[in-house]
Amino acid sequence: MELAEVKPKLVLAMGAIAVESLTGSRAAVLSRRGHVETGRGGEPVLITLHPSYLLRLPDPHL
């Protein structure tokens, strides 16, 4: 795995697919956003939303 070779100090997981791949958990991303969890390889994983999520939100000004 690339993470084992790179040995990052922190991995940013952007979106549910990345979060599940890195942590193995399918728990809701919104409730985990902003928290650091331990990845499958022991690396710290910071969980956040995928940027495309913001593009799908309805515009409150319309």
Protein backbone atom coordinates (compact mmCIF):
# COMPACT_ATOMS: atom_id res chain seq x y z
CA MET A 1 0.00 0.00 0.00
CA GLU A 2 1.27 3.47 -0.86
CA LEU A 3 0.49 4.82 2.60
CA ALA A 4 2.94 2.40 4.17
CA GLU A 5 5.69 3.64 1.88
CA VAL A 6 4.92 7.35 2.24
CA LYS A 7 4.18 7.23 6.00
CA PRO A 8 2.07 10.42 6.07
CA LYS A 9 1.54 12.32 9.29
CA LEU A 10 -2.13 12.78 8.34
CA VAL A 11 -4.42 11.54 5.56
CA LEU A 12 -7.40 13.65 4.43
CA ALA A 13 -10.42 11.52 3.53
CA MET A 14 -12.83 13.51 1.37
CA GLY A 15 -16.20 11.77 1.14
CA ALA A 16 -17.83 8.51 2.10
CA ILE A 17 -15.95 6.27 -0.32
CA ALA A 18 -12.55 7.54 0.83
CA VAL A 19 -13.57 7.34 4.49
CA GLU A 20 -14.76 3.75 4.13
CA SER A 21 -11.65 2.74 2.19
CA LEU A 22 -9.29 4.23 4.76
CA THR A 23 -11.11 3.38 8.00
CA GLY A 24 -13.25 0.37 7.09
CA SER A 25 -16.32 2.02 8.64
CA ARG A 26 -19.51 2.93 6.78
CA ALA A 27 -20.80 5.21 9.57
CA ALA A 28 -22.23 8.56 8.44
CA VAL A 29 -19.63 11.07 7.27
CA LEU A 30 -21.56 14.15 8.48
CA SER A 31 -21.39 13.02 12.11
CA ARG A 32 -17.67 12.15 11.78
CA ARG A 33 -16.63 15.28 9.84
CA GLY A 34 -13.75 17.15 11.43
CA HIS A 35 -12.65 14.21 13.57
CA VAL A 36 -9.41 12.30 13.26
CA GLU A 37 -9.79 8.53 13.25
CA THR A 38 -7.26 5.74 12.96
CA GLY A 39 -6.99 4.22 9.50
CA ARG A 40 -6.63 0.53 8.71
CA GLY A 41 -2.85 0.90 8.58
CA GLY A 42 -2.66 2.89 11.81
CA GLU A 43 -2.36 6.27 10.09
CA PRO A 44 -4.44 9.23 11.35
CA VAL A 45 -7.33 10.06 8.99
CA LEU A 46 -9.08 13.44 9.03
CA ILE A 47 -12.64 13.07 7.79
CA THR A 48 -14.39 15.73 5.74
CA LEU A 49 -17.04 16.09 3.06
CA HIS A 50 -16.27 15.66 -0.60
CA PRO A 51 -16.22 19.07 -2.34
CA SER A 52 -18.92 17.95 -4.78
CA TYR A 53 -21.33 17.69 -1.82
CA LEU A 54 -21.35 21.48 -1.60
CA LEU A 55 -22.24 21.78 -5.28
CA ARG A 56 -25.32 19.60 -4.77
CA LEU A 57 -26.74 21.68 -1.92
CA PRO A 58 -29.75 23.79 -2.89
CA ASP A 59 -29.12 27.53 -3.09
CA PRO A 60 -31.14 29.17 -0.27
CA HIS A 61 -31.30 32.43 -2.27
CA LEU A 62 -33.29 30.95 -5.15
